[in-house]
Amino acid sequence: MLFAIILALTFISGLFLPWWVAVLIALVVAYFVKTSGSAFWSGFAGVGLAWLAFALLKSLPNNNVLATRMATLFQLPHWLYLLLVTVVIGGLLGGFAALTGRLVRKAVERPQSA
């Protein structure tokens, strides 16, 4: 459930908000949604797949011209490697943000012992 919420909100916000909003979404959603799954992997997959979808939506209609040029600039052999790097960076940002949200929730919920 955490994965689906992060994926949907990240994709929707990516249409009209800056890239860093995905990090805030993963953090806030992981803080408020209580699930038994891994927060890191939910955030990683949610943001990573949203960024993959955006990269493909922007790259495929123009026959990957810009992606190929950027891959050449970074000395990558193919534009798909650039896509992989994009997904990993987005996934790590989302994963660490979701993990932070979950850990902050645990720290706040702990009972104070005297």
N, C-alpha and C. Protein backbone atom coordinates (compact mmCIF):
# COMPACT_ATOMS: atom_id res chain seq x y z
N MET A 1 0.81 -1.19 0.00
CA MET A 1 0.00 0.00 0.00
C MET A 1 0.86 1.26 0.00
N LEU A 2 1.94 1.24 0.79
CA LEU A 2 2.85 2.37 0.85
C LEU A 2 3.46 2.62 -0.53
N PHE A 3 3.87 1.56 -1.19
CA PHE A 3 4.44 1.66 -2.53
C PHE A 3 3.47 2.32 -3.51
N ALA A 4 2.23 1.87 -3.51
CA ALA A 4 1.23 2.37 -4.45
C ALA A 4 0.93 3.86 -4.21
N ILE A 5 0.86 4.26 -2.96
CA ILE A 5 0.57 5.66 -2.65
C ILE A 5 1.74 6.54 -3.08
N ILE A 6 2.96 6.11 -2.77
CA ILE A 6 4.14 6.89 -3.17
C ILE A 6 4.23 6.98 -4.68
N LEU A 7 4.00 5.87 -5.37
CA LEU A 7 4.07 5.85 -6.84
C LEU A 7 3.04 6.81 -7.44
N ALA A 8 1.80 6.72 -7.00
CA ALA A 8 0.74 7.55 -7.56
C ALA A 8 0.97 9.03 -7.29
N LEU A 9 1.29 9.37 -6.05
CA LEU A 9 1.49 10.78 -5.71
C LEU A 9 2.73 11.36 -6.39
N THR A 10 3.78 10.57 -6.50
CA THR A 10 4.99 11.04 -7.18
C THR A 10 4.73 11.27 -8.66
N PHE A 11 4.00 10.35 -9.28
CA PHE A 11 3.70 10.51 -10.70
C PHE A 11 2.82 11.73 -10.95
N ILE A 12 1.79 11.89 -10.14
CA ILE A 12 0.88 13.03 -10.32
C ILE A 12 1.61 14.35 -10.05
N SER A 13 2.40 14.40 -8.99
CA SER A 13 3.10 15.65 -8.68
C SER A 13 4.19 15.95 -9.69
N GLY A 14 4.75 14.93 -10.32
CA GLY A 14 5.79 15.14 -11.31
C GLY A 14 5.30 15.85 -12.55
N LEU A 15 4.01 15.89 -12.75
CA LEU A 15 3.46 16.57 -13.92
C LEU A 15 3.58 18.09 -13.83
N PHE A 16 3.57 18.62 -12.60
CA PHE A 16 3.57 20.07 -12.47
C PHE A 16 4.43 20.62 -11.33
N LEU A 17 5.11 19.77 -10.58
CA LEU A 17 5.96 20.22 -9.48
C LEU A 17 7.42 19.82 -9.73
N PRO A 18 8.38 20.42 -9.03
CA PRO A 18 9.79 20.08 -9.23
C PRO A 18 10.11 18.65 -8.79
N TRP A 19 11.29 18.16 -9.19
CA TRP A 19 11.68 16.78 -8.93
C TRP A 19 11.80 16.47 -7.44
N TRP A 20 12.22 17.44 -6.63
CA TRP A 20 12.48 17.17 -5.22
C TRP A 20 11.21 16.96 -4.40
N VAL A 21 10.06 17.24 -4.96
CA VAL A 21 8.81 17.01 -4.25
C VAL A 21 8.60 15.51 -4.03
N ALA A 22 9.17 14.68 -4.89
CA ALA A 22 9.07 13.22 -4.72
C ALA A 22 9.68 12.78 -3.40
N VAL A 23 10.75 13.44 -2.99
CA VAL A 23 11.39 13.13 -1.71
C VAL A 23 10.46 13.49 -0.55
N LEU A 24 9.85 14.65 -0.62
CA LEU A 24 8.92 15.05 0.44
C LEU A 24 7.71 14.13 0.50
N ILE A 25 7.22 13.72 -0.67
CA ILE A 25 6.07 12.81 -0.70
C ILE A 25 6.42 11.49 -0.04
N ALA A 26 7.57 10.93 -0.39
CA ALA A 26 7.97 9.64 0.20
C ALA A 26 8.14 9.77 1.72
N LEU A 27 8.71 10.86 2.17
CA LEU A 27 8.91 11.06 3.61
C LEU A 27 7.58 11.18 4.35
N VAL A 28 6.71 12.03 3.86
CA VAL A 28 5.43 12.28 4.54
C VAL A 28 4.53 11.06 4.49
N VAL A 29 4.46 10.40 3.35
CA VAL A 29 3.59 9.21 3.22
C VAL A 29 4.10 8.10 4.13
N ALA A 30 5.41 7.88 4.18
CA ALA A 30 5.95 6.83 5.04
C ALA A 30 5.74 7.17 6.52
N TYR A 31 5.69 8.44 6.85
CA TYR A 31 5.42 8.84 8.23
C TYR A 31 3.98 8.52 8.63
N PHE A 32 3.04 8.82 7.75
CA PHE A 32 1.63 8.70 8.11
C PHE A 32 1.02 7.32 7.82
N VAL A 33 1.50 6.61 6.82
CA VAL A 33 0.93 5.30 6.48
C VAL A 33 1.65 4.23 7.27
N LYS A 34 0.91 3.49 8.04
CA LYS A 34 1.49 2.45 8.88
C LYS A 34 1.31 1.10 8.18
N THR A 35 2.41 0.53 7.72
CA THR A 35 2.38 -0.79 7.08
C THR A 35 3.46 -1.66 7.68
N SER A 36 3.38 -2.93 7.38
CA SER A 36 4.37 -3.86 7.92
C SER A 36 5.54 -4.07 6.98
N GLY A 37 5.45 -3.55 5.76
CA GLY A 37 6.51 -3.75 4.76
C GLY A 37 7.71 -2.85 4.99
N SER A 38 8.70 -3.03 4.16
CA SER A 38 9.92 -2.25 4.24
C SER A 38 9.69 -0.85 3.65
N ALA A 39 9.95 0.16 4.43
CA ALA A 39 9.74 1.54 3.97
C ALA A 39 10.77 1.88 2.89
N PHE A 40 12.00 1.44 3.06
CA PHE A 40 13.03 1.77 2.08
C PHE A 40 12.67 1.23 0.70
N TRP A 41 12.32 -0.04 0.62
CA TRP A 41 12.04 -0.65 -0.69
C TRP A 41 10.75 -0.11 -1.29
N SER A 42 9.79 0.26 -0.47
CA SER A 42 8.58 0.88 -1.00
C SER A 42 8.88 2.24 -1.61
N GLY A 43 9.67 3.04 -0.92
CA GLY A 43 10.06 4.34 -1.45
C GLY A 43 10.95 4.22 -2.67
N PHE A 44 11.88 3.26 -2.63
CA PHE A 44 12.79 3.04 -3.76
C PHE A 44 11.99 2.67 -5.01
N ALA A 45 11.11 1.71 -4.88
CA ALA A 45 10.34 1.26 -6.03
C ALA A 45 9.33 2.31 -6.49
N GLY A 46 8.69 2.98 -5.56
CA GLY A 46 7.69 3.98 -5.92
C GLY A 46 8.27 5.15 -6.70
N VAL A 47 9.31 5.75 -6.16
CA VAL A 47 9.92 6.90 -6.83
C VAL A 47 10.69 6.44 -8.06
N GLY A 48 11.38 5.32 -7.96
CA GLY A 48 12.14 4.82 -9.11
C GLY A 48 11.26 4.52 -10.31
N LEU A 49 10.13 3.87 -10.08
CA LEU A 49 9.22 3.57 -11.20
C LEU A 49 8.55 4.83 -11.75
N ALA A 50 8.25 5.78 -10.89
CA ALA A 50 7.67 7.04 -11.37
C ALA A 50 8.69 7.78 -12.24
N TRP A 51 9.94 7.81 -11.82
CA TRP A 51 10.97 8.48 -12.62
C TRP A 51 11.24 7.72 -13.91
N LEU A 52 11.14 6.40 -13.87
CA LEU A 52 11.28 5.60 -15.10
C LEU A 52 10.18 5.94 -16.09
N ALA A 53 8.96 6.04 -15.60
CA ALA A 53 7.83 6.38 -16.46
C ALA A 53 8.00 7.77 -17.07
N PHE A 54 8.42 8.74 -16.27
CA PHE A 54 8.62 10.09 -16.80
C PHE A 54 9.75 10.13 -17.82
N ALA A 55 10.84 9.43 -17.54
CA ALA A 55 11.96 9.42 -18.48
C ALA A 55 11.55 8.80 -19.80
N LEU A 56 10.81 7.72 -19.74
CA LEU A 56 10.36 7.08 -20.98
C LEU A 56 9.33 7.93 -21.71
N LEU A 57 8.44 8.58 -20.98
CA LEU A 57 7.44 9.45 -21.61
C LEU A 57 8.08 10.63 -22.33
N LYS A 58 9.20 11.11 -21.81
CA LYS A 58 9.89 12.23 -22.45
C LYS A 58 10.83 11.76 -23.56
N SER A 59 11.40 10.58 -23.43
CA SER A 59 12.43 10.13 -24.35
C SER A 59 11.89 9.40 -25.58
N LEU A 60 10.91 8.57 -25.41
CA LEU A 60 10.44 7.74 -26.52
C LEU A 60 9.79 8.54 -27.66
N PRO A 61 9.00 9.58 -27.40
CA PRO A 61 8.41 10.31 -28.52
C PRO A 61 9.42 10.99 -29.46
N ASN A 62 10.60 11.35 -28.94
CA ASN A 62 11.59 12.02 -29.80
C ASN A 62 12.69 11.06 -30.25
N ASN A 63 12.41 9.77 -30.21
CA ASN A 63 13.34 8.75 -30.69
C ASN A 63 14.66 8.73 -29.90
N ASN A 64 14.61 9.11 -28.64
CA ASN A 64 15.74 9.05 -27.71
C ASN A 64 16.92 9.92 -28.13
N VAL A 65 16.67 10.99 -28.83
CA VAL A 65 17.76 11.84 -29.32
C VAL A 65 18.51 12.49 -28.16
N LEU A 66 17.79 13.15 -27.27
CA LEU A 66 18.45 13.82 -26.15
C LEU A 66 19.10 12.81 -25.20
N ALA A 67 18.41 11.72 -24.94
CA ALA A 67 18.97 10.69 -24.05
C ALA A 67 20.26 10.11 -24.62
N THR A 68 20.30 9.91 -25.93
CA THR A 68 21.51 9.38 -26.56
C THR A 68 22.65 10.39 -26.47
N ARG A 69 22.35 11.66 -26.67
CA ARG A 69 23.39 12.69 -26.57
C ARG A 69 23.89 12.83 -25.14
N MET A 70 22.99 12.75 -24.18
CA MET A 70 23.42 12.83 -22.77
C MET A 70 24.25 11.62 -22.37
N ALA A 71 23.86 10.46 -22.87
CA ALA A 71 24.65 9.25 -22.59
C ALA A 71 26.05 9.38 -23.17
N THR A 72 26.17 9.95 -24.35
CA THR A 72 27.47 10.19 -24.96
C THR A 72 28.27 11.18 -24.13
N LEU A 73 27.62 12.21 -23.64
CA LEU A 73 28.29 13.21 -22.82
C LEU A 73 28.87 12.59 -21.55
N PHE A 74 28.12 11.67 -20.94
CA PHE A 74 28.59 10.99 -19.73
C PHE A 74 29.39 9.74 -20.03
N GLN A 75 29.75 9.54 -21.29
CA GLN A 75 30.55 8.41 -21.76
C GLN A 75 29.92 7.07 -21.42
N LEU A 76 28.62 7.00 -21.58
CA LEU A 76 27.89 5.74 -21.41
C LEU A 76 27.66 5.14 -22.79
N PRO A 77 27.73 3.81 -22.92
CA PRO A 77 27.63 3.20 -24.24
C PRO A 77 26.24 3.26 -24.88
N HIS A 78 25.20 3.41 -24.09
CA HIS A 78 23.85 3.40 -24.64
C HIS A 78 22.95 4.27 -23.76
N TRP A 79 21.87 4.80 -24.34
CA TRP A 79 20.98 5.67 -23.58
C TRP A 79 20.24 4.93 -22.48
N LEU A 80 20.13 3.61 -22.57
CA LEU A 80 19.46 2.84 -21.52
C LEU A 80 20.24 2.87 -20.21
N TYR A 81 21.57 3.02 -20.30
CA TYR A 81 22.35 3.14 -19.07
C TYR A 81 22.03 4.46 -18.36
N LEU A 82 21.81 5.49 -19.12
CA LEU A 82 21.40 6.76 -18.53
C LEU A 82 20.05 6.62 -17.85
N LEU A 83 19.15 5.88 -18.46
CA LEU A 83 17.85 5.60 -17.87
C LEU A 83 18.01 4.83 -16.56
N LEU A 84 18.90 3.85 -16.55
CA LEU A 84 19.16 3.07 -15.34
C LEU A 84 19.71 3.95 -14.22
N VAL A 85 20.63 4.84 -14.56
CA VAL A 85 21.20 5.75 -13.56
C VAL A 85 20.11 6.66 -12.99
N THR A 86 19.22 7.13 -13.85
CA THR A 86 18.12 7.98 -13.41
C THR A 86 17.22 7.25 -12.43
N VAL A 87 16.89 6.01 -12.74
CA VAL A 87 16.01 5.21 -11.87
C VAL A 87 16.68 4.93 -10.53
N VAL A 88 17.96 4.61 -10.55
CA VAL A 88 18.67 4.31 -9.30
C VAL A 88 18.77 5.56 -8.42
N ILE A 89 19.08 6.70 -9.01
CA ILE A 89 19.17 7.93 -8.21
C ILE A 89 17.81 8.28 -7.61
N GLY A 90 16.78 8.24 -8.42
CA GLY A 90 15.43 8.51 -7.90
C GLY A 90 15.02 7.50 -6.85
N GLY A 91 15.34 6.24 -7.09
CA GLY A 91 15.00 5.20 -6.12
C GLY A 91 15.71 5.39 -4.79
N LEU A 92 16.99 5.72 -4.84
CA LEU A 92 17.72 5.95 -3.59
C LEU A 92 17.17 7.15 -2.83
N LEU A 93 16.85 8.21 -3.56
CA LEU A 93 16.26 9.38 -2.89
C LEU A 93 14.93 9.02 -2.23
N GLY A 94 14.08 8.31 -2.97
CA GLY A 94 12.79 7.92 -2.42
C GLY A 94 12.91 6.92 -1.29
N GLY A 95 13.83 5.98 -1.42
CA GLY A 95 14.03 4.96 -0.38
C GLY A 95 14.52 5.56 0.93
N PHE A 96 15.53 6.42 0.83
CA PHE A 96 16.04 7.03 2.06
C PHE A 96 15.04 7.99 2.68
N ALA A 97 14.26 8.68 1.85
CA ALA A 97 13.24 9.57 2.38
C ALA A 97 12.15 8.78 3.10
N ALA A 98 11.71 7.68 2.50
CA ALA A 98 10.68 6.86 3.14
C ALA A 98 11.20 6.23 4.43
N LEU A 99 12.44 5.78 4.41
CA LEU A 99 13.03 5.21 5.61
C LEU A 99 13.14 6.27 6.71
N THR A 100 13.49 7.48 6.35
CA THR A 100 13.55 8.58 7.32
C THR A 100 12.18 8.85 7.92
N GLY A 101 11.15 8.88 7.08
CA GLY A 101 9.80 9.09 7.58
C GLY A 101 9.37 8.01 8.55
N ARG A 102 9.69 6.76 8.22
CA ARG A 102 9.33 5.65 9.10
C ARG A 102 10.08 5.72 10.43
N LEU A 103 11.37 6.05 10.38
CA LEU A 103 12.17 6.12 11.61
C LEU A 103 11.77 7.29 12.49
N VAL A 104 11.40 8.41 11.87
CA VAL A 104 10.91 9.55 12.66
C VAL A 104 9.62 9.17 13.37
N ARG A 105 8.75 8.44 12.67
CA ARG A 105 7.51 7.99 13.31
C ARG A 105 7.79 7.08 14.50
N LYS A 106 8.75 6.16 14.34
CA LYS A 106 9.12 5.28 15.46
C LYS A 106 9.67 6.07 16.62
N ALA A 107 10.48 7.07 16.35
CA ALA A 107 11.07 7.88 17.42
C ALA A 107 10.03 8.69 18.15
N VAL A 108 9.03 9.18 17.45
CA VAL A 108 7.99 9.98 18.08
C VAL A 108 7.03 9.11 18.87
N GLU A 109 6.75 7.90 18.40
CA GLU A 109 5.78 7.03 19.06
C GLU A 109 6.31 6.33 20.30
N ARG A 110 7.62 6.29 20.48
CA ARG A 110 8.17 5.58 21.63
C ARG A 110 7.69 6.18 22.92
N PRO A 111 7.28 5.34 23.85
CA PRO A 111 6.85 5.86 25.15
C PRO A 111 8.07 6.40 25.92
N GLN A 112 7.86 7.50 26.58
CA GLN A 112 8.93 8.11 27.37
C GLN A 112 9.00 7.41 28.73
N SER A 113 10.17 6.87 29.04
CA SER A 113 10.33 6.20 30.33
C SER A 113 11.06 7.13 31.29
N ALA A 114 10.64 7.10 32.53
CA ALA A 114 11.21 8.01 33.52
C ALA A 114 12.41 7.42 34.21
